[in-house]
Amino acid sequence: MTETLNYDVIVLGSGIAGLRAALEVARVSKGKLRLAVISKVQVMRSHSVAAEGGSAAVLYPEKGDSFDLHAYDTVKGGDFLGDQDAVEMFVRLAPYEIMMLERWGLPWNRLEDGRVAQRPFGGHSYPRATFARDRTGFYEMQTLYDNLVRYAGQNVDLYEEHFMTKVIIEDGVFKGFYVIDMKTQDHKLFLGKAGIIATGGVGRLYGFSTYSLTVTGDGIAAAYSAGLPIKDLEFIQFHPTGLVPTGILVTEGVRGEGGILRNRLGARFMERYAPKFKDLASRDVVSRAIIREIMEGRGFKGPNGLDYAVLDFSPIGRERITERLPMMIELGKEFAGIDPRDEPLPVRPAAHYTHGGIHVDKYGRVPGVKGLWAAGESACVSIHGSNRLGANATMECAVYGMLTGAQAAEYAMAADDPPSASQSVIEEEATRISRLGEGTESPYAIRQDLWKIMDSYVYVFRDEQGLSTAVKQIKELKERVKKVRVTDSAKYYNEDLFRTLETLNMVALAEIVATGALARKESRGGHYRLDYPKRDDANWMKHTLAYYTPDGPVLTYIPVTVTRWQPEERKY
């Protein structure tokens, strides 16, 4: 039996983008719209709490920053694959979001005169990363959540620990989401006039990753299976400083405050790769430099093949480390047994950000579907192109949470008809889920094998042979995952069932990543081909769109929007 719940607007996801969208729906409608926020975790457990370093915005034009400069840095950082009309709109809205968060109570770090402080970040030509120590994401989440709960009881309902399995679209109109209550296993149909997908990225396709284990791309996978195009998913960002051996993020704020990367010889090697920006070059440049140092024998030997460089905090000074990077001290002690004030931390590139996602326009609307938007990392606008600058992600989540929330509210207030969905669609999804888990394969073994494939062949450096191997082996996993077995028969919190659903999503998305990377015969941003080491604007300055078929993704391409900045060689 499937319970039906009717709402005006449904927000799927409770990270920064989801909470900001929900808050905007409540604000714009003055609490008059019925709003549901659905999350597979407890709200304050969303991965956005792990964001550390800052949110980028132009706050001080009188000191030399400007919208044009922020936009150019972003376009250049993305290796000219970003849509420039969207970038220009984004940078102009960013300061508004910083001020709104300030008004709602976020404790930004301050300058001596009381104004909001900013720090340098990789690829930015001006220090515009607005920060709250090294816990920026947590404070942004807490601020948004605290303000959203003011509307609780006023048509705002939070559904925590609810797992979405299907996006329902009929005749080009959004209808709702099919959801399982993770506590009770009850099936629920959420019907809404408007929907916003804000479920985050695909980072747990990789074993060595900065992501929480919950970040399995469920919203992107559901959109893909519903027939929506997935854009540019081959572009995965590897953050230069994942802590060895866990992969936990060591914030770019360390290098923003003056920290230095060193190799086994003690040398500051980034001077060779980026003479001007050095350790604060864009993330793809720094990640490749670390792996080059390791490949050429200047790295440290690490556990399980996780060779590394080290991040030296000492130039920052003990007092400043304690004041501005307290979580890094805690992280180093807890997960590496090292106090970074006394000795460097071992680091190597870790999967960190999904540049691609559900194809949307510059306002976050899903083309061809009435009443559906996507925001944050689950969407691809594209602002970041092929490589995101640090501090632009949390800012994008806030800006596009606001934009999509406002549009969804306006749309729902103008809609007359209550939503409905075909009974056959509901029955079909219920039947699909009921038949899961009757095979012999372990979802956990499949996940481990997927991690080996992605970490080995679809990492910082890629080539034809490795990517072909990845595509072949992922197709084998597709067959194995059809035969998965759910051994847990619990009626409450059946974790086996949800790990199985996640694994199905992960394998489908990994096939898009590897297939798109194999097809793209160039190097651009986070996608670096050893066999095609140059950027090829003549043939590949275009976005990839991947469409679902049972045999695998079918790829098509659309042009990049260029308004002002023509492609040029990136130099840092």
Protein backbone atom coordinates (compact mmCIF):
# COMPACT_ATOMS: atom_id res chain seq x y z
CA MET A 1 0.00 0.00 0.00
CA THR A 2 1.44 3.37 -1.05
CA GLU A 3 0.49 6.44 0.96
CA THR A 4 -0.14 9.60 -1.05
CA LEU A 5 0.89 13.02 0.28
CA ASN A 6 -0.01 16.23 -1.53
CA TYR A 7 2.14 19.37 -1.47
CA ASP A 8 2.53 22.54 -3.47
CA VAL A 9 6.35 22.39 -3.59
CA ILE A 10 8.66 19.47 -2.84
CA VAL A 11 12.38 20.01 -2.21
CA LEU A 12 14.47 16.86 -2.50
CA GLY A 13 17.66 17.19 -0.45
CA SER A 14 18.63 19.07 2.69
CA GLY A 15 22.09 20.43 2.01
CA ILE A 16 22.82 24.12 1.47
CA ALA A 17 21.00 24.18 -1.89
CA GLY A 18 17.96 22.31 -0.56
CA LEU A 19 17.59 24.29 2.63
CA ARG A 20 18.14 27.60 0.84
CA ALA A 21 15.50 26.63 -1.74
CA ALA A 22 13.04 25.61 0.97
CA LEU A 23 13.62 28.82 2.88
CA GLU A 24 13.00 30.88 -0.26
CA VAL A 25 9.77 29.00 -1.00
CA ALA A 26 8.56 29.78 2.52
CA ARG A 27 9.64 33.42 2.26
CA VAL A 28 8.18 34.11 -1.17
CA SER A 29 4.87 32.44 -0.36
CA LYS A 30 4.82 33.90 3.17
CA GLY A 31 4.18 30.40 4.46
CA LYS A 32 1.04 29.92 2.35
CA LEU A 33 2.36 27.07 0.19
CA ARG A 34 2.50 23.52 1.53
CA LEU A 35 6.18 22.62 1.41
CA ALA A 36 7.89 19.24 1.92
CA VAL A 37 11.66 18.81 2.37
CA ILE A 38 12.71 15.20 1.82
CA SER A 39 16.14 13.94 2.88
CA LYS A 40 17.66 10.48 3.13
CA VAL A 41 19.64 11.64 6.18
CA GLN A 42 18.88 13.76 9.18
CA VAL A 43 18.86 17.32 7.92
CA MET A 44 22.05 18.49 9.64
CA ARG A 45 23.83 15.34 8.44
CA SER A 46 23.76 16.45 4.79
CA HIS A 47 27.24 16.53 3.26
CA SER A 48 27.23 20.33 3.00
CA VAL A 49 28.24 20.43 6.68
CA ALA A 50 31.65 19.11 5.57
CA ALA A 51 32.44 22.20 3.46
CA GLU A 52 35.29 24.01 5.13
CA GLY A 53 37.08 26.86 3.41
CA GLY A 54 34.67 29.57 2.29
CA SER A 55 32.10 31.02 -0.13
CA ALA A 56 33.30 33.35 -2.89
CA ALA A 57 31.72 36.75 -3.47
CA VAL A 58 32.72 40.27 -4.47
CA LEU A 59 32.39 42.30 -1.28
CA TYR A 60 35.04 45.00 -1.61
CA PRO A 61 35.16 46.51 -5.13
CA GLU A 62 36.75 49.63 -3.65
CA LYS A 63 39.80 47.48 -2.83
CA GLY A 64 40.20 46.09 -6.35
CA ASP A 65 37.74 43.23 -6.71
CA SER A 66 34.95 43.31 -9.30
CA PHE A 67 32.18 41.21 -10.81
CA ASP A 68 34.14 41.03 -14.07
CA LEU A 69 37.20 39.74 -12.24
CA HIS A 70 35.26 37.06 -10.35
CA ALA A 71 33.51 36.02 -13.57
CA TYR A 72 36.76 35.87 -15.54
CA ASP A 73 38.50 33.86 -12.82
CA THR A 74 35.58 31.40 -12.84
CA VAL A 75 35.51 31.07 -16.64
CA LYS A 76 39.29 30.66 -16.81
CA GLY A 77 39.28 28.21 -13.90
CA GLY A 78 36.68 26.11 -15.76
CA ASP A 79 38.98 26.00 -18.79
CA PHE A 80 36.38 27.94 -20.80
CA LEU A 81 33.68 25.24 -20.69
CA GLY A 82 31.40 27.23 -18.37
CA ASP A 83 28.39 29.07 -19.81
CA GLN A 84 29.40 32.68 -19.41
CA ASP A 85 25.90 34.17 -19.20
CA ALA A 86 25.24 31.96 -16.17
CA VAL A 87 28.62 32.83 -14.63
CA GLU A 88 27.95 36.57 -14.93
CA MET A 89 24.55 36.22 -13.26
CA PHE A 90 26.02 34.03 -10.52
CA VAL A 91 28.78 36.44 -9.48
CA ARG A 92 26.33 39.35 -9.27
CA LEU A 93 23.96 37.43 -7.00
CA ALA A 94 26.69 36.03 -4.74
CA PRO A 95 27.16 39.13 -2.51
CA TYR A 96 23.41 39.24 -1.85
CA GLU A 97 23.57 35.71 -0.46
CA ILE A 98 26.52 36.54 1.79
CA MET A 99 24.57 39.48 3.20
CA MET A 100 21.40 37.42 3.64
CA LEU A 101 23.32 34.78 5.57
CA GLU A 102 24.85 37.57 7.64
CA ARG A 103 21.39 38.94 8.38
CA TRP A 104 20.14 35.49 9.35
CA GLY A 105 22.93 35.11 11.88
CA LEU A 106 25.92 33.41 10.27
CA PRO A 107 29.11 34.19 12.28
CA TRP A 108 31.49 35.18 9.48
CA ASN A 109 35.09 35.85 10.44
CA ARG A 110 35.78 39.56 10.85
CA LEU A 111 38.42 42.11 10.02
CA GLU A 112 39.70 44.32 12.81
CA ASP A 113 37.26 47.06 11.78
CA GLY A 114 34.32 44.63 12.10
CA ARG A 115 33.70 44.03 8.42
CA VAL A 116 33.39 40.52 6.98
CA ALA A 117 36.80 38.93 6.37
CA GLN A 118 37.89 37.12 3.21
CA ARG A 119 40.87 34.86 2.46
CA PRO A 120 42.76 33.87 -0.72
CA PHE A 121 41.64 30.71 -2.55
CA GLY A 122 43.02 28.74 -5.47
CA GLY A 123 42.51 30.26 -8.91
CA HIS A 124 41.03 33.50 -7.56
CA SER A 125 43.03 36.61 -8.42
CA TYR A 126 41.55 38.42 -5.40
CA PRO A 127 41.06 37.07 -1.82
CA ARG A 128 37.26 36.76 -2.00
CA ALA A 129 36.59 33.54 -0.05
CA THR A 130 34.22 34.61 2.75
CA PHE A 131 34.66 32.20 5.65
CA ALA A 132 33.66 31.12 9.13
CA ARG A 133 36.92 29.66 10.46
CA ASP A 134 37.28 26.27 8.73
CA ARG A 135 33.66 25.21 9.27
CA THR A 136 31.92 27.40 6.67
CA GLY A 137 29.55 24.71 5.39
CA PHE A 138 28.45 23.75 8.88
CA TYR A 139 27.67 27.34 9.83
CA GLU A 140 25.81 27.92 6.56
CA MET A 141 23.74 24.80 7.13
CA GLN A 142 23.01 25.70 10.74
CA THR A 143 21.98 29.22 9.79
CA LEU A 144 19.63 28.05 7.03
CA TYR A 145 18.14 25.30 9.19
CA ASP A 146 17.57 27.63 12.16
CA ASN A 147 15.71 30.07 9.93
CA LEU A 148 13.70 27.39 8.12
CA VAL A 149 12.37 25.91 11.37
CA ARG A 150 10.76 29.27 12.07
CA TYR A 151 8.28 28.21 9.39
CA ALA A 152 7.80 24.69 10.80
CA GLY A 153 4.16 24.19 11.67
CA GLN A 154 3.29 26.78 9.01
CA ASN A 155 2.91 24.41 6.07
CA VAL A 156 6.58 23.26 6.17
CA ASP A 157 7.19 19.55 6.77
CA LEU A 158 10.61 17.91 7.05
CA TYR A 159 10.81 14.24 6.05
CA GLU A 160 14.14 12.97 7.32
CA GLU A 161 15.45 9.48 6.52
CA HIS A 162 13.27 9.11 3.43
CA PHE A 163 14.84 7.59 0.29
CA MET A 164 13.64 8.76 -3.13
CA THR A 165 13.59 6.06 -5.82
CA LYS A 166 11.79 7.72 -8.76
CA VAL A 167 11.12 11.13 -10.27
CA ILE A 168 7.62 11.08 -11.76
CA ILE A 169 7.19 13.05 -14.99
CA GLU A 170 4.16 12.61 -17.23
CA ASP A 171 3.56 14.39 -20.55
CA GLY A 172 6.38 16.81 -19.86
CA VAL A 173 5.01 17.84 -16.45
CA PHE A 174 6.55 17.13 -13.04
CA LYS A 175 4.19 15.15 -10.82
CA GLY A 176 6.17 14.10 -7.78
CA PHE A 177 8.59 11.65 -6.19
CA TYR A 178 8.26 8.01 -5.14
CA VAL A 179 9.85 7.63 -1.70
CA ILE A 180 10.51 4.94 0.92
CA ASP A 181 10.43 5.77 4.63
CA MET A 182 13.77 4.34 5.77
CA LYS A 183 12.56 3.75 9.31
CA THR A 184 9.38 1.81 8.54
CA GLN A 185 9.88 0.69 4.91
CA ASP A 186 6.53 2.32 4.09
CA HIS A 187 6.18 3.48 0.49
CA LYS A 188 5.00 7.05 -0.08
CA LEU A 189 4.00 9.02 -3.16
CA PHE A 190 4.75 12.73 -2.78
CA LEU A 191 2.74 14.71 -5.31
CA GLY A 192 3.58 18.36 -5.94
CA LYS A 193 2.93 21.22 -8.30
CA ALA A 194 6.66 22.03 -8.32
CA GLY A 195 9.79 20.07 -7.45
CA ILE A 196 13.43 20.94 -6.82
CA ILE A 197 16.15 18.27 -6.93
CA ALA A 198 19.06 19.19 -4.65
CA THR A 199 20.54 15.82 -3.72
CA GLY A 200 24.24 16.52 -4.28
CA GLY A 201 26.90 14.93 -6.44
CA VAL A 202 28.37 11.52 -7.29
CA GLY A 203 31.60 11.60 -5.28
CA ARG A 204 31.23 8.17 -3.72
CA LEU A 205 31.80 6.56 -7.09
CA TYR A 206 35.39 6.74 -5.84
CA GLY A 207 37.00 4.99 -2.88
CA PHE A 208 39.49 7.75 -2.07
CA SER A 209 37.11 10.64 -1.68
CA THR A 210 36.36 13.62 0.53
CA TYR A 211 32.63 12.78 0.40
CA SER A 212 30.36 11.30 3.01
CA LEU A 213 29.34 7.73 2.26
CA THR A 214 25.79 8.96 1.60
CA VAL A 215 26.74 10.98 -1.51
CA THR A 216 25.74 8.44 -4.15
CA GLY A 217 24.07 10.62 -6.79
CA ASP A 218 20.52 9.39 -6.18
CA GLY A 219 18.78 12.46 -7.62
CA ILE A 220 20.97 12.50 -10.75
CA ALA A 221 20.42 8.77 -11.26
CA ALA A 222 16.65 9.10 -10.88
CA ALA A 223 16.59 11.98 -13.38
CA TYR A 224 18.68 9.89 -15.80
CA SER A 225 16.35 6.90 -15.59
CA ALA A 226 13.39 9.28 -16.10
CA GLY A 227 14.85 10.26 -19.48
CA LEU A 228 16.42 13.59 -18.52
CA PRO A 229 19.84 14.41 -20.01
CA ILE A 230 22.87 14.39 -17.72
CA LYS A 231 25.44 17.03 -18.64
CA ASP A 232 29.27 16.89 -18.45
CA LEU A 233 29.51 14.09 -15.90
CA GLU A 234 32.99 13.10 -17.12
CA PHE A 235 34.36 16.16 -15.32
CA ILE A 236 35.10 15.11 -11.74
CA GLN A 237 37.17 17.39 -9.54
CA PHE A 238 39.96 15.91 -7.47
CA HIS A 239 40.81 18.10 -4.51
CA PRO A 240 44.60 18.27 -4.13
CA THR A 241 44.59 17.73 -0.38
CA GLY A 242 42.68 14.66 0.72
CA LEU A 243 44.14 13.36 3.98
CA VAL A 244 45.96 10.04 3.63
CA PRO A 245 44.70 7.39 4.21
CA THR A 246 41.07 8.45 4.85
CA GLY A 247 40.47 10.96 2.03
CA ILE A 248 38.96 13.47 4.47
CA LEU A 249 39.22 17.02 3.14
CA VAL A 250 42.07 19.24 4.26
CA THR A 251 40.67 22.64 3.38
CA GLU A 252 42.17 24.85 0.69
CA GLY A 253 41.99 27.47 3.40
CA VAL A 254 45.29 26.06 4.70
CA ARG A 255 47.04 27.15 1.50
CA GLY A 256 44.94 30.32 1.49
CA GLU A 257 46.44 31.18 4.88
CA GLY A 258 49.98 30.41 3.65
CA GLY A 259 50.44 26.63 3.87
CA ILE A 260 52.87 25.03 1.37
CA LEU A 261 52.94 21.69 -0.44
CA ARG A 262 56.26 19.86 -0.28
CA ASN A 263 57.65 16.68 -1.80
CA ARG A 264 59.84 13.97 -0.24
CA LEU A 265 62.92 16.15 -0.78
CA GLY A 266 61.37 19.01 1.19
CA ALA A 267 61.01 21.16 -1.93
CA ARG A 268 58.11 23.53 -2.57
CA PHE A 269 57.32 22.01 -5.94
CA MET A 270 54.33 24.13 -7.05
CA GLU A 271 56.70 26.90 -8.12
CA ARG A 272 57.60 24.73 -11.14
CA TYR A 273 54.00 24.10 -12.20
CA ALA A 274 52.41 27.51 -11.46
CA PRO A 275 55.12 30.18 -11.07
CA LYS A 276 52.68 33.00 -10.26
CA PHE A 277 49.92 31.38 -8.18
CA LYS A 278 52.09 28.55 -6.79
CA ASP A 279 50.12 26.53 -4.20
CA LEU A 280 46.99 28.53 -4.98
CA ALA A 281 46.71 27.58 -8.63
CA SER A 282 43.42 26.00 -9.71
CA ARG A 283 42.68 22.59 -8.23
CA ASP A 284 43.20 20.58 -11.40
CA VAL A 285 46.67 22.10 -11.84
CA VAL A 286 47.68 21.39 -8.24
CA SER A 287 46.27 17.85 -8.31
CA ARG A 288 48.20 16.97 -11.46
CA ALA A 289 51.36 18.45 -9.96
CA ILE A 290 51.10 16.24 -6.86
CA ILE A 291 50.58 13.11 -8.95
CA ARG A 292 53.49 14.10 -11.24
CA GLU A 293 55.75 14.42 -8.20
CA ILE A 294 54.66 10.96 -7.06
CA MET A 295 55.03 9.40 -10.53
CA GLU A 296 58.55 10.83 -10.88
CA GLY A 297 59.68 9.41 -7.54
CA ARG A 298 59.53 12.51 -5.37
CA GLY A 299 56.52 11.47 -3.31
CA PHE A 300 56.30 9.66 0.01
CA LYS A 301 55.36 5.97 0.10
CA GLY A 302 51.90 5.55 1.59
CA PRO A 303 49.64 2.71 2.67
CA ASN A 304 47.83 0.60 0.05
CA GLY A 305 49.44 2.48 -2.83
CA LEU A 306 48.30 5.88 -1.51
CA ASP A 307 51.61 7.66 -2.07
CA TYR A 308 51.51 11.31 -1.10
CA ALA A 309 53.01 14.77 -0.74
CA VAL A 310 52.84 16.77 2.48
CA LEU A 311 51.10 20.01 3.39
CA ASP A 312 53.29 22.19 5.59
CA PHE A 313 51.31 24.48 7.94
CA SER A 314 54.36 26.07 9.57
CA PRO A 315 54.49 29.27 7.43
CA ILE A 316 51.04 30.20 8.81
CA GLY A 317 52.20 30.40 12.41
CA ARG A 318 50.85 28.53 15.43
CA GLU A 319 48.59 31.31 16.67
CA ARG A 320 46.91 31.86 13.32
CA ILE A 321 46.47 28.10 12.77
CA THR A 322 44.75 27.84 16.15
CA GLU A 323 42.55 30.85 15.43
CA ARG A 324 41.51 30.17 11.83
CA LEU A 325 42.00 26.44 11.28
CA PRO A 326 40.93 24.72 14.51
CA MET A 327 39.17 21.85 12.75
CA MET A 328 42.36 21.00 10.84
CA ILE A 329 44.16 20.56 14.16
CA GLU A 330 41.40 18.24 15.35
CA LEU A 331 41.32 16.38 12.02
CA GLY A 332 45.09 15.87 11.93
CA LYS A 333 45.23 14.54 15.47
CA GLU A 334 42.17 12.30 15.15
CA PHE A 335 42.73 10.77 11.72
CA ALA A 336 46.49 10.94 11.15
CA GLY A 337 47.90 11.15 14.67
CA ILE A 338 49.59 14.44 13.71
CA ASP A 339 49.26 17.94 15.11
CA PRO A 340 49.68 20.07 11.94
CA ARG A 341 51.15 22.86 14.06
CA ASP A 342 54.12 20.55 14.68
CA GLU A 343 54.53 18.55 11.45
CA PRO A 344 53.02 18.40 7.94
CA LEU A 345 49.96 16.37 7.00
CA PRO A 346 50.12 13.64 4.29
CA VAL A 347 47.85 14.51 1.34
CA ARG A 348 46.99 13.39 -2.20
CA PRO A 349 44.18 14.23 -4.66
CA ALA A 350 40.76 12.88 -3.65
CA ALA A 351 37.44 12.89 -5.53
CA HIS A 352 35.77 16.07 -4.33
CA TYR A 353 33.22 17.64 -6.67
CA THR A 354 30.86 16.76 -9.53
CA HIS A 355 31.03 19.38 -12.26
CA GLY A 356 28.27 17.69 -14.24
CA GLY A 357 24.73 16.83 -13.27
CA ILE A 358 21.13 17.23 -14.38
CA HIS A 359 21.01 19.50 -17.42
CA VAL A 360 19.37 22.82 -16.47
CA ASP A 361 19.29 26.32 -17.93
CA LYS A 362 20.94 29.32 -16.30
CA TYR A 363 17.98 29.73 -13.94
CA GLY A 364 18.07 26.11 -12.76
CA ARG A 365 15.02 25.03 -14.79
CA VAL A 366 14.96 21.54 -16.29
CA PRO A 367 14.32 22.10 -20.03
CA GLY A 368 11.24 20.39 -21.40
CA VAL A 369 9.68 19.65 -18.00
CA LYS A 370 7.16 22.03 -16.45
CA GLY A 371 7.45 22.49 -12.71
CA LEU A 372 10.91 20.93 -12.17
CA TRP A 373 14.18 22.56 -11.15
CA ALA A 374 17.57 21.33 -9.94
CA ALA A 375 20.08 23.17 -7.77
CA GLY A 376 23.51 22.75 -6.25
CA GLU A 377 25.81 19.88 -7.11
CA SER A 378 23.06 17.69 -8.56
CA ALA A 379 22.54 20.29 -11.31
CA CYS A 380 24.81 21.37 -14.15
CA VAL A 381 24.11 24.98 -15.11
CA SER A 382 27.16 25.09 -16.15
CA ILE A 383 29.01 27.65 -14.03
CA HIS A 384 32.14 25.70 -13.19
CA GLY A 385 32.85 24.31 -16.64
CA SER A 386 35.45 21.57 -16.43
CA ASN A 387 37.08 22.69 -13.17
CA ARG A 388 35.51 24.49 -10.22
CA LEU A 389 37.33 27.19 -8.31
CA GLY A 390 37.35 26.68 -4.57
CA ALA A 391 34.65 28.59 -2.64
CA ASN A 392 32.36 28.74 -5.70
CA ALA A 393 30.44 25.56 -4.74
CA THR A 394 28.78 26.60 -1.49
CA MET A 395 28.12 29.94 -3.15
CA GLU A 396 26.43 28.25 -6.11
CA CYS A 397 24.30 26.20 -3.70
CA ALA A 398 23.10 29.37 -1.97
CA VAL A 399 22.49 31.34 -5.17
CA TYR A 400 20.69 28.54 -7.00
CA GLY A 401 18.78 27.49 -3.92
CA MET A 402 17.43 31.03 -3.82
CA LEU A 403 16.73 31.18 -7.57
CA THR A 404 15.00 27.81 -7.85
CA GLY A 405 13.05 28.29 -4.62
CA ALA A 406 11.69 31.64 -5.77
CA GLN A 407 10.68 30.29 -9.20
CA ALA A 408 9.10 27.14 -7.79
CA ALA A 409 7.07 29.21 -5.32
CA GLU A 410 5.81 31.56 -8.02
CA TYR A 411 4.96 28.63 -10.28
CA ALA A 412 3.08 26.77 -7.55
CA MET A 413 1.12 29.88 -6.49
CA ALA A 414 -0.05 30.34 -10.09
CA ALA A 415 -0.96 26.66 -10.64
CA ASP A 416 -4.63 25.77 -10.22
CA ASP A 417 -4.90 22.02 -10.61
CA PRO A 418 -3.88 19.71 -7.77
CA PRO A 419 -1.19 17.23 -8.89
CA SER A 420 -1.95 13.62 -9.78
CA ALA A 421 -0.05 10.64 -11.20
CA SER A 422 -1.01 7.52 -13.11
CA GLN A 423 -1.72 4.50 -10.92
CA SER A 424 0.27 2.31 -13.31
CA VAL A 425 3.44 4.32 -12.65
CA ILE A 426 3.01 3.86 -8.90
CA GLU A 427 2.38 0.13 -9.17
CA GLU A 428 5.33 -0.33 -11.52
CA GLU A 429 7.76 1.30 -9.09
CA ALA A 430 6.40 -0.63 -6.11
CA THR A 431 6.85 -3.87 -8.03
CA ARG A 432 10.41 -2.99 -9.08
CA ILE A 433 11.46 -2.38 -5.49
CA SER A 434 9.73 -5.49 -4.17
CA ARG A 435 11.74 -7.64 -6.58
CA LEU A 436 15.13 -6.27 -5.58
CA GLY A 437 17.53 -8.45 -3.69
CA GLU A 438 16.59 -11.96 -4.77
CA GLY A 439 19.98 -12.82 -6.35
CA THR A 440 23.40 -13.86 -5.07
CA GLU A 441 25.64 -10.79 -5.49
CA SER A 442 26.67 -8.57 -2.57
CA PRO A 443 26.02 -4.83 -3.06
CA TYR A 444 29.02 -4.13 -0.85
CA ALA A 445 31.37 -6.24 -2.99
CA ILE A 446 30.09 -4.51 -6.12
CA ARG A 447 30.70 -1.13 -4.51
CA GLN A 448 34.27 -2.11 -3.56
CA ASP A 449 34.95 -3.28 -7.11
CA LEU A 450 33.51 -0.04 -8.52
CA TRP A 451 35.84 1.98 -6.30
CA LYS A 452 38.86 0.04 -7.59
CA ILE A 453 37.82 0.71 -11.20
CA MET A 454 37.24 4.42 -10.73
CA ASP A 455 40.33 5.03 -8.56
CA SER A 456 42.52 3.13 -11.03
CA TYR A 457 41.26 4.19 -14.46
CA VAL A 458 39.14 7.36 -14.10
CA TYR A 459 41.37 9.36 -11.75
CA VAL A 460 43.56 12.46 -12.22
CA PHE A 461 45.31 11.06 -15.32
CA ARG A 462 43.32 9.08 -17.89
CA ASP A 463 44.00 7.36 -21.21
CA GLU A 464 42.28 5.27 -23.88
CA GLN A 465 43.36 1.91 -22.52
CA GLY A 466 42.36 2.66 -18.93
CA LEU A 467 39.03 4.23 -19.82
CA SER A 468 38.17 1.38 -22.19
CA THR A 469 38.92 -1.05 -19.38
CA ALA A 470 36.74 1.00 -17.01
CA VAL A 471 33.77 1.00 -19.42
CA LYS A 472 34.10 -2.76 -19.97
CA GLN A 473 34.32 -3.56 -16.27
CA ILE A 474 31.46 -1.23 -15.33
CA LYS A 475 29.25 -3.00 -17.89
CA GLU A 476 30.11 -6.23 -16.10
CA LEU A 477 29.06 -4.63 -12.81
CA LYS A 478 25.76 -3.66 -14.46
CA GLU A 479 25.04 -7.34 -15.01
CA ARG A 480 26.15 -8.29 -11.51
CA VAL A 481 24.03 -5.61 -9.83
CA LYS A 482 20.91 -7.08 -11.46
CA LYS A 483 21.57 -10.20 -9.37
CA VAL A 484 22.16 -8.48 -6.06
CA ARG A 485 20.96 -10.06 -2.83
CA VAL A 486 19.48 -8.21 0.14
CA THR A 487 20.27 -10.40 3.14
CA ASP A 488 18.65 -8.19 5.77
CA SER A 489 14.95 -8.89 6.23
CA ALA A 490 14.36 -6.19 8.84
CA LYS A 491 11.19 -4.13 8.55
CA TYR A 492 12.85 -1.14 10.21
CA TYR A 493 16.01 0.56 8.94
CA ASN A 494 16.83 -2.14 6.40
CA GLU A 495 20.26 -0.78 5.49
CA ASP A 496 20.91 -3.58 2.99
CA LEU A 497 17.98 -2.43 0.89
CA PHE A 498 19.12 1.19 0.76
CA ARG A 499 22.76 0.31 0.09
CA THR A 500 21.47 -1.82 -2.80
CA LEU A 501 19.44 1.06 -4.21
CA GLU A 502 22.48 3.33 -3.90
CA THR A 503 24.71 0.78 -5.61
CA LEU A 504 22.32 0.54 -8.56
CA ASN A 505 22.53 4.31 -8.88
CA MET A 506 26.31 4.38 -8.55
CA VAL A 507 26.93 1.82 -11.29
CA ALA A 508 24.62 3.64 -13.70
CA LEU A 509 26.35 6.96 -13.04
CA ALA A 510 29.86 5.51 -13.24
CA GLU A 511 29.03 4.29 -16.75
CA ILE A 512 28.16 7.86 -17.76
CA VAL A 513 31.41 9.22 -16.28
CA ALA A 514 33.65 6.64 -17.94
CA THR A 515 31.81 6.67 -21.29
CA GLY A 516 31.91 10.46 -21.50
CA ALA A 517 35.60 10.52 -20.55
CA LEU A 518 36.45 7.89 -23.16
CA ALA A 519 34.62 9.85 -25.86
CA ARG A 520 36.19 13.22 -24.99
CA LYS A 521 39.54 13.09 -26.77
CA GLU A 522 41.16 16.14 -25.25
CA SER A 523 42.40 17.44 -21.90
CA ARG A 524 40.33 20.15 -20.26
CA GLY A 525 40.19 21.08 -16.58
CA GLY A 526 39.51 18.05 -14.40
CA HIS A 527 39.54 15.69 -17.40
CA TYR A 528 43.17 15.05 -18.34
CA ARG A 529 44.04 12.52 -21.08
CA LEU A 530 47.70 11.45 -21.23
CA ASP A 531 47.09 10.42 -24.85
CA TYR A 532 45.40 13.74 -25.71
CA PRO A 533 47.26 16.21 -23.46
CA LYS A 534 46.05 19.40 -25.17
CA ARG A 535 42.73 21.23 -25.01
CA ASP A 536 40.94 20.97 -28.35
CA ASP A 537 38.57 23.92 -28.74
CA ALA A 538 37.89 23.19 -32.40
CA ASN A 539 36.32 19.81 -31.65
CA TRP A 540 35.53 19.68 -27.95
CA MET A 541 34.46 23.07 -26.69
CA LYS A 542 30.97 21.69 -26.12
CA HIS A 543 28.87 20.16 -23.37
CA THR A 544 28.19 16.43 -23.22
CA LEU A 545 24.58 15.28 -22.78
CA ALA A 546 24.08 11.65 -21.76
CA TYR A 547 20.69 9.98 -22.29
CA TYR A 548 19.62 6.69 -20.78
CA THR A 549 19.21 3.51 -22.80
CA PRO A 550 19.27 -0.06 -21.44
CA ASP A 551 22.55 -0.67 -23.30
CA GLY A 552 24.27 2.35 -21.81
CA PRO A 553 24.35 6.13 -22.24
CA VAL A 554 23.91 7.72 -25.65
CA LEU A 555 25.96 10.91 -25.95
CA THR A 556 25.02 14.11 -27.75
CA TYR A 557 26.55 17.58 -27.51
CA ILE A 558 25.45 21.20 -27.22
CA PRO A 559 27.51 24.39 -27.58
CA VAL A 560 29.04 26.40 -24.74
CA THR A 561 27.63 29.91 -24.27
CA VAL A 562 30.39 32.47 -24.77
CA THR A 563 29.55 36.11 -24.07
CA ARG A 564 32.80 37.99 -23.48
CA TRP A 565 35.84 35.82 -22.87
CA GLN A 566 37.27 33.84 -25.76
CA PRO A 567 39.29 30.71 -24.89
CA GLU A 568 42.94 31.30 -24.14
CA GLU A 569 45.81 29.33 -22.65
CA ARG A 570 45.45 29.07 -18.89
CA LYS A 571 48.51 30.23 -16.97
CA TYR A 572 48.85 30.32 -13.19
